Amino acid sequence: MRWTIRLLRGVDSFLDDWRGTEARPGVPARPGVLARLGALELRVDEIAGRLGDVERELRLNGGTSLRDAVHRIEQRLG
């Protein structure tokens, strides 16, 4: 009987984490797993966009990229 009660409490805790919990007096709300995964996906998309910007700056493109500027400075100094 005790084993069953411990098992059910564990399942209940898991489901609370999965679904999330609403705010209660003195306890902040916790988003569920799917809401947190959605937030992570948004951040990954945002970071991927920034990495694309960085990659564009590291390619020669005829004068306006950061790499072009470094190349010009090297030529002047060399």
PDB file of N, CA and C in Angstrom:
ATOM      1  N   MET A   1       0.816  -1.194   0.000  1.00  0.00           N
ATOM      2  CA  MET A   1       0.000   0.000   0.000  1.00  0.00           C
ATOM      3  C   MET A   1       0.867   1.268   0.000  1.00  0.00           C
ATOM      4  N   ARG A   2       1.923   1.289   0.844  1.00  0.00           N
ATOM      5  CA  ARG A   2       2.803   2.455   0.897  1.00  0.00           C
ATOM      6  C   ARG A   2       3.483   2.687  -0.449  1.00  0.00           C
ATOM      7  N   TRP A   3       3.883   1.587  -1.085  1.00  0.00           N
ATOM      8  CA  TRP A   3       4.540   1.685  -2.387  1.00  0.00           C
ATOM      9  C   TRP A   3       3.614   2.352  -3.392  1.00  0.00           C
ATOM     10  N   THR A   4       2.349   1.984  -3.385  1.00  0.00           N
ATOM     11  CA  THR A   4       1.368   2.559  -4.306  1.00  0.00           C
ATOM     12  C   THR A   4       1.175   4.045  -4.030  1.00  0.00           C
ATOM     13  N   ILE A   5       1.117   4.437  -2.779  1.00  0.00           N
ATOM     14  CA  ILE A   5       0.942   5.846  -2.422  1.00  0.00           C
ATOM     15  C   ILE A   5       2.150   6.655  -2.886  1.00  0.00           C
ATOM     16  N   ARG A   6       3.379   6.127  -2.657  1.00  0.00           N
ATOM     17  CA  ARG A   6       4.587   6.827  -3.109  1.00  0.00           C
ATOM     18  C   ARG A   6       4.588   6.958  -4.627  1.00  0.00           C
ATOM     19  N   LEU A   7       4.187   5.912  -5.306  1.00  0.00           N
ATOM     20  CA  LEU A   7       4.140   5.938  -6.766  1.00  0.00           C
ATOM     21  C   LEU A   7       3.141   6.992  -7.252  1.00  0.00           C
ATOM     22  N   LEU A   8       1.966   7.029  -6.667  1.00  0.00           N
ATOM     23  CA  LEU A   8       0.956   8.004  -7.070  1.00  0.00           C
ATOM     24  C   LEU A   8       1.400   9.434  -6.772  1.00  0.00           C
ATOM     25  N   ARG A   9       2.097   9.662  -5.669  1.00  0.00           N
ATOM     26  CA  ARG A   9       2.620  11.000  -5.374  1.00  0.00           C
ATOM     27  C   ARG A   9       3.660  11.406  -6.419  1.00  0.00           C
ATOM     28  N   GLY A  10       4.505  10.462  -6.805  1.00  0.00           N
ATOM     29  CA  GLY A  10       5.497  10.746  -7.835  1.00  0.00           C
ATOM     30  C   GLY A  10       4.846  11.083  -9.163  1.00  0.00           C
ATOM     31  N   VAL A  11       3.822  10.344  -9.530  1.00  0.00           N
ATOM     32  CA  VAL A  11       3.099  10.618 -10.776  1.00  0.00           C
ATOM     33  C   VAL A  11       2.425  11.979 -10.694  1.00  0.00           C
ATOM     34  N   ASP A  12       1.853  12.302  -9.556  1.00  0.00           N
ATOM     35  CA  ASP A  12       1.203  13.599  -9.373  1.00  0.00           C
ATOM     36  C   ASP A  12       2.221  14.738  -9.495  1.00  0.00           C
ATOM     37  N   SER A  13       3.400  14.577  -8.902  1.00  0.00           N
ATOM     38  CA  SER A  13       4.449  15.599  -9.013  1.00  0.00           C
ATOM     39  C   SER A  13       4.891  15.759 -10.457  1.00  0.00           C
ATOM     40  N   PHE A  14       5.057  14.641 -11.158  1.00  0.00           N
ATOM     41  CA  PHE A  14       5.439  14.693 -12.563  1.00  0.00           C
ATOM     42  C   PHE A  14       4.397  15.445 -13.386  1.00  0.00           C
ATOM     43  N   LEU A  15       3.141  15.142 -13.166  1.00  0.00           N
ATOM     44  CA  LEU A  15       2.080  15.798 -13.929  1.00  0.00           C
ATOM     45  C   LEU A  15       2.004  17.294 -13.604  1.00  0.00           C
ATOM     46  N   ASP A  16       2.245  17.666 -12.350  1.00  0.00           N
ATOM     47  CA  ASP A  16       2.292  19.092 -12.005  1.00  0.00           C
ATOM     48  C   ASP A  16       3.410  19.790 -12.773  1.00  0.00           C
ATOM     49  N   ASP A  17       4.578  19.154 -12.835  1.00  0.00           N
ATOM     50  CA  ASP A  17       5.685  19.735 -13.598  1.00  0.00           C
ATOM     51  C   ASP A  17       5.352  19.796 -15.082  1.00  0.00           C
ATOM     52  N   TRP A  18       4.713  18.774 -15.605  1.00  0.00           N
ATOM     53  CA  TRP A  18       4.387  18.719 -17.032  1.00  0.00           C
ATOM     54  C   TRP A  18       3.382  19.807 -17.413  1.00  0.00           C
ATOM     55  N   ARG A  19       2.325  19.930 -16.647  1.00  0.00           N
ATOM     56  CA  ARG A  19       1.269  20.894 -16.952  1.00  0.00           C
ATOM     57  C   ARG A  19       1.588  22.290 -16.463  1.00  0.00           C
ATOM     58  N   GLY A  20       2.425  22.394 -15.432  1.00  0.00           N
ATOM     59  CA  GLY A  20       2.684  23.685 -14.819  1.00  0.00           C
ATOM     60  C   GLY A  20       1.682  23.921 -13.699  1.00  0.00           C
ATOM     61  N   THR A  21       1.967  24.923 -12.910  1.00  0.00           N
ATOM     62  CA  THR A  21       1.054  25.240 -11.816  1.00  0.00           C
ATOM     63  C   THR A  21       0.735  26.723 -11.839  1.00  0.00           C
ATOM     64  N   GLU A  22      -0.465  27.045 -11.448  1.00  0.00           N
ATOM     65  CA  GLU A  22      -0.884  28.440 -11.382  1.00  0.00           C
ATOM     66  C   GLU A  22      -0.358  29.064 -10.092  1.00  0.00           C
ATOM     67  N   ALA A  23      -0.303  30.373 -10.085  1.00  0.00           N
ATOM     68  CA  ALA A  23       0.177  31.087  -8.899  1.00  0.00           C
ATOM     69  C   ALA A  23      -0.809  30.900  -7.750  1.00  0.00           C
ATOM     70  N   ARG A  24      -0.238  30.763  -6.579  1.00  0.00           N
ATOM     71  CA  ARG A  24      -1.024  30.692  -5.350  1.00  0.00           C
ATOM     72  C   ARG A  24      -0.466  31.754  -4.414  1.00  0.00           C
ATOM     73  N   PRO A  25      -1.162  32.087  -3.378  1.00  0.00           N
ATOM     74  CA  PRO A  25      -0.632  33.081  -2.442  1.00  0.00           C
ATOM     75  C   PRO A  25       0.741  32.646  -1.906  1.00  0.00           C
ATOM     76  N   GLY A  26       1.749  33.452  -2.182  1.00  0.00           N
ATOM     77  CA  GLY A  26       3.099  33.161  -1.712  1.00  0.00           C
ATOM     78  C   GLY A  26       3.904  32.255  -2.615  1.00  0.00           C
ATOM     79  N   VAL A  27       3.291  31.729  -3.673  1.00  0.00           N
ATOM     80  CA  VAL A  27       3.992  30.814  -4.582  1.00  0.00           C
ATOM     81  C   VAL A  27       3.786  31.304  -6.011  1.00  0.00           C
ATOM     82  N   PRO A  28       4.870  31.600  -6.736  1.00  0.00           N
ATOM     83  CA  PRO A  28       4.703  32.074  -8.121  1.00  0.00           C
ATOM     84  C   PRO A  28       4.262  30.947  -9.051  1.00  0.00           C
ATOM     85  N   ALA A  29       3.686  31.316 -10.160  1.00  0.00           N
ATOM     86  CA  ALA A  29       3.268  30.332 -11.158  1.00  0.00           C
ATOM     87  C   ALA A  29       4.499  29.703 -11.800  1.00  0.00           C
ATOM     88  N   ARG A  30       4.360  28.451 -12.209  1.00  0.00           N
ATOM     89  CA  ARG A  30       5.424  27.760 -12.943  1.00  0.00           C
ATOM     90  C   ARG A  30       4.839  27.277 -14.256  1.00  0.00           C
ATOM     91  N   PRO A  31       5.448  27.666 -15.373  1.00  0.00           N
ATOM     92  CA  PRO A  31       4.934  27.194 -16.656  1.00  0.00           C
ATOM     93  C   PRO A  31       5.199  25.702 -16.826  1.00  0.00           C
ATOM     94  N   GLY A  32       4.377  25.071 -17.624  1.00  0.00           N
ATOM     95  CA  GLY A  32       4.544  23.650 -17.895  1.00  0.00           C
ATOM     96  C   GLY A  32       5.659  23.400 -18.905  1.00  0.00           C
ATOM     97  N   VAL A  33       5.906  22.140 -19.152  1.00  0.00           N
ATOM     98  CA  VAL A  33       6.989  21.735 -20.047  1.00  0.00           C
ATOM     99  C   VAL A  33       6.774  22.280 -21.454  1.00  0.00           C
ATOM    100  N   LEU A  34       5.577  22.174 -21.976  1.00  0.00           N
ATOM    101  CA  LEU A  34       5.339  22.616 -23.351  1.00  0.00           C
ATOM    102  C   LEU A  34       5.496  24.128 -23.495  1.00  0.00           C
ATOM    103  N   ALA A  35       5.085  24.887 -22.497  1.00  0.00           N
ATOM    104  CA  ALA A  35       5.261  26.341 -22.547  1.00  0.00           C
ATOM    105  C   ALA A  35       6.744  26.694 -22.492  1.00  0.00           C
ATOM    106  N   ARG A  36       7.500  25.982 -21.663  1.00  0.00           N
ATOM    107  CA  ARG A  36       8.933  26.252 -21.577  1.00  0.00           C
ATOM    108  C   ARG A  36       9.645  25.856 -22.858  1.00  0.00           C
ATOM    109  N   LEU A  37       9.251  24.748 -23.472  1.00  0.00           N
ATOM    110  CA  LEU A  37       9.848  24.358 -24.750  1.00  0.00           C
ATOM    111  C   LEU A  37       9.547  25.388 -25.833  1.00  0.00           C
ATOM    112  N   GLY A  38       8.338  25.913 -25.834  1.00  0.00           N
ATOM    113  CA  GLY A  38       7.984  26.954 -26.807  1.00  0.00           C
ATOM    114  C   GLY A  38       8.848  28.193 -26.636  1.00  0.00           C
ATOM    115  N   ALA A  39       9.097  28.581 -25.384  1.00  0.00           N
ATOM    116  CA  ALA A  39       9.953  29.736 -25.122  1.00  0.00           C
ATOM    117  C   ALA A  39      11.382  29.463 -25.580  1.00  0.00           C
ATOM    118  N   LEU A  40      11.853  28.242 -25.361  1.00  0.00           N
ATOM    119  CA  LEU A  40      13.200  27.884 -25.821  1.00  0.00           C
ATOM    120  C   LEU A  40      13.303  27.927 -27.340  1.00  0.00           C
ATOM    121  N   GLU A  41      12.273  27.449 -28.028  1.00  0.00           N
ATOM    122  CA  GLU A  41      12.284  27.486 -29.490  1.00  0.00           C
ATOM    123  C   GLU A  41      12.352  28.920 -29.999  1.00  0.00           C
ATOM    124  N   LEU A  42      11.639  29.825 -29.362  1.00  0.00           N
ATOM    125  CA  LEU A  42      11.707  31.230 -29.759  1.00  0.00           C
ATOM    126  C   LEU A  42      13.106  31.788 -29.570  1.00  0.00           C
ATOM    127  N   ARG A  43      13.743  31.437 -28.458  1.00  0.00           N
ATOM    128  CA  ARG A  43      15.110  31.917 -28.211  1.00  0.00           C
ATOM    129  C   ARG A  43      16.088  31.330 -29.220  1.00  0.00           C
ATOM    130  N   VAL A  44      15.922  30.056 -29.551  1.00  0.00           N
ATOM    131  CA  VAL A  44      16.816  29.425 -30.529  1.00  0.00           C
ATOM    132  C   VAL A  44      16.662  30.102 -31.879  1.00  0.00           C
ATOM    133  N   ASP A  45      15.436  30.397 -32.285  1.00  0.00           N
ATOM    134  CA  ASP A  45      15.217  31.095 -33.555  1.00  0.00           C
ATOM    135  C   ASP A  45      15.863  32.472 -33.535  1.00  0.00           C
ATOM    136  N   GLU A  46      15.753  33.164 -32.403  1.00  0.00           N
ATOM    137  CA  GLU A  46      16.353  34.495 -32.277  1.00  0.00           C
ATOM    138  C   GLU A  46      17.878  34.407 -32.373  1.00  0.00           C
ATOM    139  N   ILE A  47      18.461  33.436 -31.702  1.00  0.00           N
ATOM    140  CA  ILE A  47      19.919  33.262 -31.731  1.00  0.00           C
ATOM    141  C   ILE A  47      20.375  32.870 -33.128  1.00  0.00           C
ATOM    142  N   ALA A  48      19.617  32.014 -33.798  1.00  0.00           N
ATOM    143  CA  ALA A  48      19.981  31.608 -35.156  1.00  0.00           C
ATOM    144  C   ALA A  48      19.973  32.818 -36.092  1.00  0.00           C
ATOM    145  N   GLY A  49      19.037  33.715 -35.913  1.00  0.00           N
ATOM    146  CA  GLY A  49      18.997  34.929 -36.718  1.00  0.00           C
ATOM    147  C   GLY A  49      20.220  35.800 -36.486  1.00  0.00           C
ATOM    148  N   ARG A  50      20.621  35.904 -35.227  1.00  0.00           N
ATOM    149  CA  ARG A  50      21.818  36.689 -34.905  1.00  0.00           C
ATOM    150  C   ARG A  50      23.064  36.056 -35.488  1.00  0.00           C
ATOM    151  N   LEU A  51      23.142  34.721 -35.442  1.00  0.00           N
ATOM    152  CA  LEU A  51      24.300  34.039 -36.009  1.00  0.00           C
ATOM    153  C   LEU A  51      24.373  34.256 -37.518  1.00  0.00           C
ATOM    154  N   GLY A  52      23.218  34.309 -38.162  1.00  0.00           N
ATOM    155  CA  GLY A  52      23.197  34.604 -39.588  1.00  0.00           C
ATOM    156  C   GLY A  52      23.760  35.982 -39.878  1.00  0.00           C
ATOM    157  N   ASP A  53      23.441  36.950 -39.011  1.00  0.00           N
ATOM    158  CA  ASP A  53      23.993  38.302 -39.172  1.00  0.00           C
ATOM    159  C   ASP A  53      25.511  38.288 -39.014  1.00  0.00           C
ATOM    160  N   VAL A  54      25.996  37.543 -38.037  1.00  0.00           N
ATOM    161  CA  VAL A  54      27.435  37.459 -37.813  1.00  0.00           C
ATOM    162  C   VAL A  54      28.118  36.792 -39.006  1.00  0.00           C
ATOM    163  N   GLU A  55      27.529  35.717 -39.514  1.00  0.00           N
ATOM    164  CA  GLU A  55      28.118  35.034 -40.670  1.00  0.00           C
ATOM    165  C   GLU A  55      28.196  35.963 -41.872  1.00  0.00           C
ATOM    166  N   ARG A  56      27.182  36.789 -42.071  1.00  0.00           N
ATOM    167  CA  ARG A  56      27.215  37.728 -43.195  1.00  0.00           C
ATOM    168  C   ARG A  56      28.348  38.737 -43.045  1.00  0.00           C
ATOM    169  N   GLU A  57      28.628  39.147 -41.816  1.00  0.00           N
ATOM    170  CA  GLU A  57      29.710  40.103 -41.582  1.00  0.00           C
ATOM    171  C   GLU A  57      31.083  39.485 -41.792  1.00  0.00           C
ATOM    172  N   LEU A  58      31.176  38.161 -41.718  1.00  0.00           N
ATOM    173  CA  LEU A  58      32.468  37.499 -41.847  1.00  0.00           C
ATOM    174  C   LEU A  58      32.775  37.062 -43.280  1.00  0.00           C
ATOM    175  N   ARG A  59      31.914  37.374 -44.213  1.00  0.00           N
ATOM    176  CA  ARG A  59      32.143  37.037 -45.626  1.00  0.00           C
ATOM    177  C   ARG A  59      32.478  38.304 -46.405  1.00  0.00           C
ATOM    178  N   LEU A  60      33.389  38.151 -47.349  1.00  0.00           N
ATOM    179  CA  LEU A  60      33.682  39.269 -48.239  1.00  0.00           C
ATOM    180  C   LEU A  60      32.459  39.534 -49.106  1.00  0.00           C
ATOM    181  N   ASN A  61      32.062  40.792 -49.206  1.00  0.00           N
ATOM    182  CA  ASN A  61      30.885  41.098 -50.023  1.00  0.00           C
ATOM    183  C   ASN A  61      31.075  42.350 -50.880  1.00  0.00           C
ATOM    184  N   GLY A  62      32.298  42.747 -51.052  1.00  0.00           N
ATOM    185  CA  GLY A  62      32.534  43.889 -51.923  1.00  0.00           C
ATOM    186  C   GLY A  62      32.762  45.205 -51.196  1.00  0.00           C
ATOM    187  N   GLY A  63      32.945  45.177 -49.887  1.00  0.00           N
ATOM    188  CA  GLY A  63      33.307  46.403 -49.213  1.00  0.00           C
ATOM    189  C   GLY A  63      32.543  46.778 -47.972  1.00  0.00           C
ATOM    190  N   THR A  64      31.406  46.195 -47.704  1.00  0.00           N
ATOM    191  CA  THR A  64      30.617  46.666 -46.566  1.00  0.00           C
ATOM    192  C   THR A  64      30.663  45.741 -45.358  1.00  0.00           C
ATOM    193  N   SER A  65      31.274  44.565 -45.468  1.00  0.00           N
ATOM    194  CA  SER A  65      31.301  43.660 -44.321  1.00  0.00           C
ATOM    195  C   SER A  65      32.478  43.971 -43.415  1.00  0.00           C
ATOM    196  N   LEU A  66      32.418  43.446 -42.217  1.00  0.00           N
ATOM    197  CA  LEU A  66      33.494  43.617 -41.258  1.00  0.00           C
ATOM    198  C   LEU A  66      34.778  42.994 -41.790  1.00  0.00           C
ATOM    199  N   ARG A  67      34.663  41.865 -42.445  1.00  0.00           N
ATOM    200  CA  ARG A  67      35.848  41.215 -43.013  1.00  0.00           C
ATOM    201  C   ARG A  67      36.494  42.080 -44.085  1.00  0.00           C
ATOM    202  N   ASP A  68      35.681  42.735 -44.894  1.00  0.00           N
ATOM    203  CA  ASP A  68      36.230  43.648 -45.901  1.00  0.00           C
ATOM    204  C   ASP A  68      37.016  44.776 -45.240  1.00  0.00           C
ATOM    205  N   ALA A  69      36.484  45.306 -44.139  1.00  0.00           N
ATOM    206  CA  ALA A  69      37.161  46.395 -43.441  1.00  0.00           C
ATOM    207  C   ALA A  69      38.493  45.915 -42.870  1.00  0.00           C
ATOM    208  N   VAL A  70      38.512  44.728 -42.278  1.00  0.00           N
ATOM    209  CA  VAL A  70      39.756  44.181 -41.739  1.00  0.00           C
ATOM    210  C   VAL A  70      40.750  43.945 -42.867  1.00  0.00           C
ATOM    211  N   HIS A  71      40.265  43.454 -43.984  1.00  0.00           N
ATOM    212  CA  HIS A  71      41.134  43.202 -45.141  1.00  0.00           C
ATOM    213  C   HIS A  71      41.759  44.520 -45.635  1.00  0.00           C
ATOM    214  N   ARG A  72      40.972  45.584 -45.715  1.00  0.00           N
ATOM    215  CA  ARG A  72      41.506  46.882 -46.131  1.00  0.00           C
ATOM    216  C   ARG A  72      42.574  47.389 -45.160  1.00  0.00           C
ATOM    217  N   ILE A  73      42.324  47.233 -43.868  1.00  0.00           N
ATOM    218  CA  ILE A  73      43.288  47.685 -42.866  1.00  0.00           C
ATOM    219  C   ILE A  73      44.582  46.887 -42.982  1.00  0.00           C
ATOM    220  N   GLU A  74      44.468  45.587 -43.189  1.00  0.00           N
ATOM    221  CA  GLU A  74      45.661  44.754 -43.359  1.00  0.00           C
ATOM    222  C   GLU A  74      46.488  45.212 -44.557  1.00  0.00           C
ATOM    223  N   GLN A  75      45.794  45.512 -45.643  1.00  0.00           N
ATOM    224  CA  GLN A  75      46.509  45.940 -46.844  1.00  0.00           C
ATOM    225  C   GLN A  75      47.226  47.263 -46.603  1.00  0.00           C
ATOM    226  N   ARG A  76      46.596  48.176 -45.887  1.00  0.00           N
ATOM    227  CA  ARG A  76      47.226  49.465 -45.597  1.00  0.00           C
ATOM    228  C   ARG A  76      48.445  49.302 -44.696  1.00  0.00           C
ATOM    229  N   LEU A  77      48.325  48.423 -43.705  1.00  0.00           N
ATOM    230  CA  LEU A  77      49.429  48.221 -42.771  1.00  0.00           C
ATOM    231  C   LEU A  77      50.560  47.390 -43.373  1.00  0.00           C
ATOM    232  N   GLY A  78      50.211  46.503 -44.291  1.00  0.00           N
ATOM    233  CA  GLY A  78      51.214  45.601 -44.882  1.00  0.00           C
ATOM    234  C   GLY A  78      51.878  46.241 -46.008  1.00  0.00           C
TER     235      GLY A  78
END
